[in-house]
C-alpha atoms as a PDB file:
ATOM      1  CA  MET A   1    -137.344 122.016 -95.259  1.00  0.00           C
ATOM      2  CA  PRO A   2    -136.610 125.278 -93.487  1.00  0.00           C
ATOM      3  CA  ASP A   3    -133.188 125.739 -91.902  1.00  0.00           C
ATOM      4  CA  SER A   4    -134.835 125.627 -88.466  1.00  0.00           C
ATOM      5  CA  GLU A   5    -135.677 121.948 -88.964  1.00  0.00           C
ATOM      6  CA  PRO A   6    -133.365 119.410 -87.295  1.00  0.00           C
ATOM      7  CA  LEU A   7    -130.493 118.256 -89.473  1.00  0.00           C
ATOM      8  CA  ARG A   8    -131.109 114.483 -89.482  1.00  0.00           C
ATOM      9  CA  PRO A   9    -134.438 114.533 -91.394  1.00  0.00           C
ATOM     10  CA  ARG A  10    -132.941 117.016 -93.862  1.00  0.00           C
ATOM     11  CA  LEU A  11    -130.107 114.571 -94.587  1.00  0.00           C
ATOM     12  CA  VAL A  12    -132.177 111.392 -94.931  1.00  0.00           C
ATOM     13  CA  GLY A  13    -132.500 110.275 -98.537  1.00  0.00           C
ATOM     14  CA  THR A  14    -130.292 109.789-101.557  1.00  0.00           C
ATOM     15  CA  TRP A  15    -127.943 112.403-102.956  1.00  0.00           C
ATOM     16  CA  ARG A  16    -126.200 112.396-106.360  1.00  0.00           C
ATOM     17  CA  LEU A  17    -122.649 113.719-106.579  1.00  0.00           C
ATOM     18  CA  GLU A  18    -122.293 116.961-108.528  1.00  0.00           C
ATOM     19  CA  SER A  19    -118.676 117.879-107.835  1.00  0.00           C
ATOM     20  CA  PHE A  20    -115.651 116.996-105.732  1.00  0.00           C
ATOM     21  CA  VAL A  21    -112.754 119.431-105.500  1.00  0.00           C
ATOM     22  CA  ALA A  22    -109.892 119.647-103.019  1.00  0.00           C
ATOM     23  CA  ILE A  23    -108.588 123.153-102.423  1.00  0.00           C
ATOM     24  CA  GLY A  24    -105.387 124.286-100.762  1.00  0.00           C
ATOM     25  CA  ALA A  25    -105.348 125.749 -97.277  1.00  0.00           C
ATOM     26  CA  PRO A  26    -105.946 129.512 -97.051  1.00  0.00           C
ATOM     27  CA  GLY A  27    -102.886 131.326 -98.378  1.00  0.00           C
ATOM     28  CA  SER A  28    -101.726 128.206-100.231  1.00  0.00           C
ATOM     29  CA  SER A  29    -100.550 128.361-103.834  1.00  0.00           C
ATOM     30  CA  LEU A  30    -102.002 124.896-104.558  1.00  0.00           C
ATOM     31  CA  GLU A  31    -104.267 124.691-107.594  1.00  0.00           C
ATOM     32  CA  PRO A  32    -107.667 123.001-107.101  1.00  0.00           C
ATOM     33  CA  TRP A  33    -107.390 119.224-107.471  1.00  0.00           C
ATOM     34  CA  TYR A  34    -110.224 117.013-108.764  1.00  0.00           C
ATOM     35  CA  PRO A  35    -109.492 113.541-107.312  1.00  0.00           C
ATOM     36  CA  TYR A  36    -112.185 111.883-109.447  1.00  0.00           C
ATOM     37  CA  GLY A  37    -111.896 114.151-112.469  1.00  0.00           C
ATOM     38  CA  LYS A  38    -114.083 117.153-113.239  1.00  0.00           C
ATOM     39  CA  SER A  39    -117.197 115.015-113.854  1.00  0.00           C
ATOM     40  CA  PRO A  40    -117.281 112.463-111.022  1.00  0.00           C
ATOM     41  CA  SER A  41    -120.192 110.140-110.410  1.00  0.00           C
ATOM     42  CA  GLY A  42    -121.533 108.868-107.126  1.00  0.00           C
ATOM     43  CA  PHE A  43    -124.237 108.593-104.519  1.00  0.00           C
ATOM     44  CA  LEU A  44    -124.533 109.347-100.829  1.00  0.00           C
ATOM     45  CA  VAL A  45    -127.356 107.718 -98.874  1.00  0.00           C
ATOM     46  CA  TYR A  46    -128.512 108.604 -95.361  1.00  0.00           C
ATOM     47  CA  THR A  47    -131.116 106.246 -93.881  1.00  0.00           C
ATOM     48  CA  ASN A  48    -133.819 106.852 -91.272  1.00  0.00           C
ATOM     49  CA  ASP A  49    -132.203 104.293 -88.975  1.00  0.00           C
ATOM     50  CA  GLY A  50    -128.926 106.215 -88.778  1.00  0.00           C
ATOM     51  CA  TYR A  51    -126.677 104.671 -91.406  1.00  0.00           C
ATOM     52  CA  MET A  52    -124.915 106.148 -94.399  1.00  0.00           C
ATOM     53  CA  SER A  53    -123.185 104.853 -97.497  1.00  0.00           C
ATOM     54  CA  THR A  54    -121.285 106.605-100.231  1.00  0.00           C
ATOM     55  CA  ASN A  55    -119.775 105.499-103.524  1.00  0.00           C
ATOM     56  CA  ILE A  56    -117.705 107.774-105.746  1.00  0.00           C
ATOM     57  CA  VAL A  57    -116.114 106.888-109.068  1.00  0.00           C
ATOM     58  CA  GLU A  58    -114.159 108.658-111.752  1.00  0.00           C
ATOM     59  CA  PRO A  59    -116.002 107.831-114.987  1.00  0.00           C
ATOM     60  CA  GLY A  60    -114.326 106.899-118.211  1.00  0.00           C
ATOM     61  CA  GLN A  61    -112.531 103.675-117.583  1.00  0.00           C
ATOM     62  CA  ALA A  62    -112.763 100.970-120.197  1.00  0.00           C
ATOM     63  CA  ASP A  63    -115.060  97.983-119.747  1.00  0.00           C
ATOM     64  CA  PHE A  64    -113.245  94.841-118.680  1.00  0.00           C
ATOM     65  CA  ASP A  65    -113.858  91.223-117.812  1.00  0.00           C
ATOM     66  CA  TRP A  66    -113.139  89.633-114.460  1.00  0.00           C
ATOM     67  CA  VAL A  67    -109.809  88.194-115.603  1.00  0.00           C
ATOM     68  CA  SER A  68    -107.194  90.956-115.488  1.00  0.00           C
ATOM     69  CA  GLU A  69    -105.543  92.027-112.230  1.00  0.00           C
ATOM     70  CA  SER A  70    -104.363  95.228-113.925  1.00  0.00           C
ATOM     71  CA  HIS A  71    -107.954  96.151-114.800  1.00  0.00           C
ATOM     72  CA  TRP A  72    -109.007  95.572-111.190  1.00  0.00           C
ATOM     73  CA  ALA A  73    -106.116  97.750-109.986  1.00  0.00           C
ATOM     74  CA  GLU A  74    -107.103 100.535-112.389  1.00  0.00           C
ATOM     75  CA  SER A  75    -110.718 100.296-111.262  1.00  0.00           C
ATOM     76  CA  ALA A  76    -109.740 100.539-107.592  1.00  0.00           C
ATOM     77  CA  LYS A  77    -107.747 103.719-108.246  1.00  0.00           C
ATOM     78  CA  ARG A  78    -110.902 105.361-109.591  1.00  0.00           C
ATOM     79  CA  TYR A  79    -113.307 104.342-106.806  1.00  0.00           C
ATOM     80  CA  THR A  80    -113.937 105.143-103.151  1.00  0.00           C
ATOM     81  CA  GLY A  81    -116.763 103.799-101.051  1.00  0.00           C
ATOM     82  CA  TYR A  82    -117.485 103.499 -97.360  1.00  0.00           C
ATOM     83  CA  SER A  83    -120.447 103.022 -95.048  1.00  0.00           C
ATOM     84  CA  GLY A  84    -121.561 102.683 -91.460  1.00  0.00           C
ATOM     85  CA  PRO A  85    -123.536 104.584 -88.827  1.00  0.00           C
ATOM     86  CA  PHE A  86    -123.644 108.364 -88.800  1.00  0.00           C
ATOM     87  CA  TYR A  87    -124.336 110.773 -85.997  1.00  0.00           C
ATOM     88  CA  ILE A  88    -124.418 114.515 -85.478  1.00  0.00           C
ATOM     89  CA  THR A  89    -122.552 116.366 -82.752  1.00  0.00           C
ATOM     90  CA  GLU A  90    -123.586 119.651 -81.199  1.00  0.00           C
ATOM     91  CA  LYS A  91    -121.587 122.714 -80.274  1.00  0.00           C
ATOM     92  CA  ASP A  92    -123.037 125.611 -78.295  1.00  0.00           C
ATOM     93  CA  GLY A  93    -126.493 124.022 -78.567  1.00  0.00           C
ATOM     94  CA  LYS A  94    -126.404 123.842 -82.380  1.00  0.00           C
ATOM     95  CA  GLU A  95    -125.959 120.878 -84.704  1.00  0.00           C
ATOM     96  CA  ASP A  96    -122.337 121.064 -85.715  1.00  0.00           C
ATOM     97  CA  ILE A  97    -120.488 118.144 -87.323  1.00  0.00           C
ATOM     98  CA  ILE A  98    -121.809 115.094 -89.199  1.00  0.00           C
ATOM     99  CA  LYS A  99    -119.715 112.069 -88.263  1.00  0.00           C
ATOM    100  CA  HIS A 100    -119.522 108.996 -90.500  1.00  0.00           C
ATOM    101  CA  PHE A 101    -118.179 105.906 -88.733  1.00  0.00           C
ATOM    102  CA  SER A 102    -116.603 103.719 -91.406  1.00  0.00           C
ATOM    103  CA  GLU A 103    -117.375 100.044 -90.778  1.00  0.00           C
ATOM    104  CA  VAL A 104    -116.500  99.049 -94.349  1.00  0.00           C
ATOM    105  CA  SER A 105    -114.403 100.959 -96.844  1.00  0.00           C
ATOM    106  CA  SER A 106    -112.476 100.590-100.070  1.00  0.00           C
ATOM    107  CA  LEU A 107    -109.735 102.466 -98.202  1.00  0.00           C
ATOM    108  CA  PRO A 108    -108.417 100.030 -95.555  1.00  0.00           C
ATOM    109  CA  ALA A 109    -107.022 102.861 -93.403  1.00  0.00           C
ATOM    110  CA  TRP A 110    -110.543 104.260 -92.995  1.00  0.00           C
ATOM    111  CA  ILE A 111    -112.059 101.092 -91.506  1.00  0.00           C
ATOM    112  CA  GLY A 112    -112.874 101.740 -87.862  1.00  0.00           C
ATOM    113  CA  THR A 113    -112.351 105.494 -88.192  1.00  0.00           C
ATOM    114  CA  THR A 114    -114.717 108.435 -88.029  1.00  0.00           C
ATOM    115  CA  GLN A 115    -114.865 110.840 -90.953  1.00  0.00           C
ATOM    116  CA  GLU A 116    -115.985 114.302 -89.836  1.00  0.00           C
ATOM    117  CA  ARG A 117    -117.949 116.517 -92.204  1.00  0.00           C
ATOM    118  CA  THR A 118    -119.040 120.119 -91.996  1.00  0.00           C
ATOM    119  CA  TRP A 119    -122.237 120.835 -93.882  1.00  0.00           C
ATOM    120  CA  GLU A 120    -124.323 123.515 -95.492  1.00  0.00           C
ATOM    121  CA  PHE A 121    -127.426 123.513 -97.634  1.00  0.00           C
ATOM    122  CA  GLU A 122    -128.215 125.543-100.739  1.00  0.00           C
ATOM    123  CA  GLU A 123    -131.255 125.829-103.002  1.00  0.00           C
ATOM    124  CA  GLY A 124    -133.716 125.291-100.177  1.00  0.00           C
ATOM    125  CA  GLY A 125    -132.115 122.043 -99.048  1.00  0.00           C
ATOM    126  CA  ARG A 126    -131.790 120.459-102.512  1.00  0.00           C
ATOM    127  CA  ILE A 127    -127.982 120.882-102.451  1.00  0.00           C
ATOM    128  CA  LEU A 128    -125.811 119.527 -99.634  1.00  0.00           C
ATOM    129  CA  ILE A 129    -122.191 120.636 -99.435  1.00  0.00           C
ATOM    130  CA  LEU A 130    -119.922 118.513 -97.255  1.00  0.00           C
ATOM    131  CA  SER A 131    -116.353 119.338 -96.325  1.00  0.00           C
ATOM    132  CA  SER A 132    -113.808 118.479 -93.657  1.00  0.00           C
ATOM    133  CA  PRO A 133    -113.574 120.713 -90.572  1.00  0.00           C
ATOM    134  CA  GLY A 134    -110.067 121.696 -91.688  1.00  0.00           C
ATOM    135  CA  PRO A 135    -107.380 120.819 -94.207  1.00  0.00           C
ATOM    136  CA  MET A 136    -106.463 117.149 -94.399  1.00  0.00           C
ATOM    137  CA  ASP A 137    -103.591 115.266 -95.986  1.00  0.00           C
ATOM    138  CA  MET A 138    -104.396 114.545 -99.628  1.00  0.00           C
ATOM    139  CA  ARG A 139    -101.560 113.399-101.894  1.00  0.00           C
ATOM    140  CA  GLY A 140     -99.085 114.630 -99.294  1.00  0.00           C
ATOM    141  CA  GLU A 141    -100.561 118.149 -99.319  1.00  0.00           C
ATOM    142  CA  LYS A 142    -102.904 119.907 -96.900  1.00  0.00           C
ATOM    143  CA  ARG A 143    -106.208 120.347 -98.730  1.00  0.00           C
ATOM    144  CA  THR A 144    -109.875 120.767 -97.882  1.00  0.00           C
ATOM    145  CA  PRO A 145    -112.328 118.643 -99.871  1.00  0.00           C
ATOM    146  CA  ILE A 146    -115.547 120.329-100.947  1.00  0.00           C
ATOM    147  CA  VAL A 147    -118.141 117.807-102.073  1.00  0.00           C
ATOM    148  CA  ARG A 148    -121.426 118.975-103.587  1.00  0.00           C
ATOM    149  CA  TRP A 149    -124.463 116.656-103.623  1.00  0.00           C
ATOM    150  CA  ARG A 150    -127.958 117.114-105.109  1.00  0.00           C
ATOM    151  CA  LYS A 151    -130.978 115.373-103.580  1.00  0.00           C
ATOM    152  CA  VAL A 152    -132.472 112.887-106.044  1.00  0.00           C
ATOM    153  CA  GLU A 153    -136.139 112.376-106.761  1.00  0.00           C
ATOM    154  CA  ASP A 154    -138.023 109.901-104.617  1.00  0.00           C
ATOM    155  CA  ASN A 155    -138.061 106.505-106.357  1.00  0.00           C
ATOM    156  CA  SER A 156    -140.437 104.730-103.968  1.00  0.00           C
ATOM    157  CA  LYS A 157    -142.921 104.325-106.846  1.00  0.00           C
ATOM    158  CA  ASN A 158    -140.472 101.818-108.391  1.00  0.00           C
ATOM    159  CA  ARG A 159    -139.710 103.737-111.588  1.00  0.00           C
ATOM    160  CA  ALA A 160    -137.179 102.075-113.865  1.00  0.00           C
ATOM    161  CA  PRO A 161    -134.202 104.206-114.853  1.00  0.00           C
ATOM    162  CA  PRO A 162    -134.447 105.922-118.266  1.00  0.00           C
ATOM    163  CA  GLN A 163    -131.742 103.674-119.661  1.00  0.00           C
ATOM    164  CA  GLU A 164    -131.011 100.203-118.336  1.00  0.00           C
ATOM    165  CA  HIS A 165    -127.753  98.441-119.149  1.00  0.00           C
END
């Protein structure tokens, strides 16, 4: 869709995570940090009725059964997910910030909060880059997350994945 199209229909659909890096504030000596490793996995979904959901995981953890608390703890350290309604604010007559209201979250402190995201598209709208409007506290340091998503192919024809587990 051309950039002149409204933002909401450009967002609607499913996006696959390509990268997640947190960079230091301008002038900072902080090295880039990859909270989910350099090859994270995840999805972001925006629906026509105004809801969103995202799940991000750091791949590579060992398989485990439902019996070990330590395995569950390790799994939780490698996963973030939240969902709820989303809306778009305007500034100077232009669509400005995407706001995700977190009704449920793997991060208890996020429940009932609004996560603000700046946005830009690349590759004709096939890539969505989300960030925070400014540095935020990450591991006790001021960093700006830059999260790159690629729009996935439409699966409304009910195609099975290439490899089922």
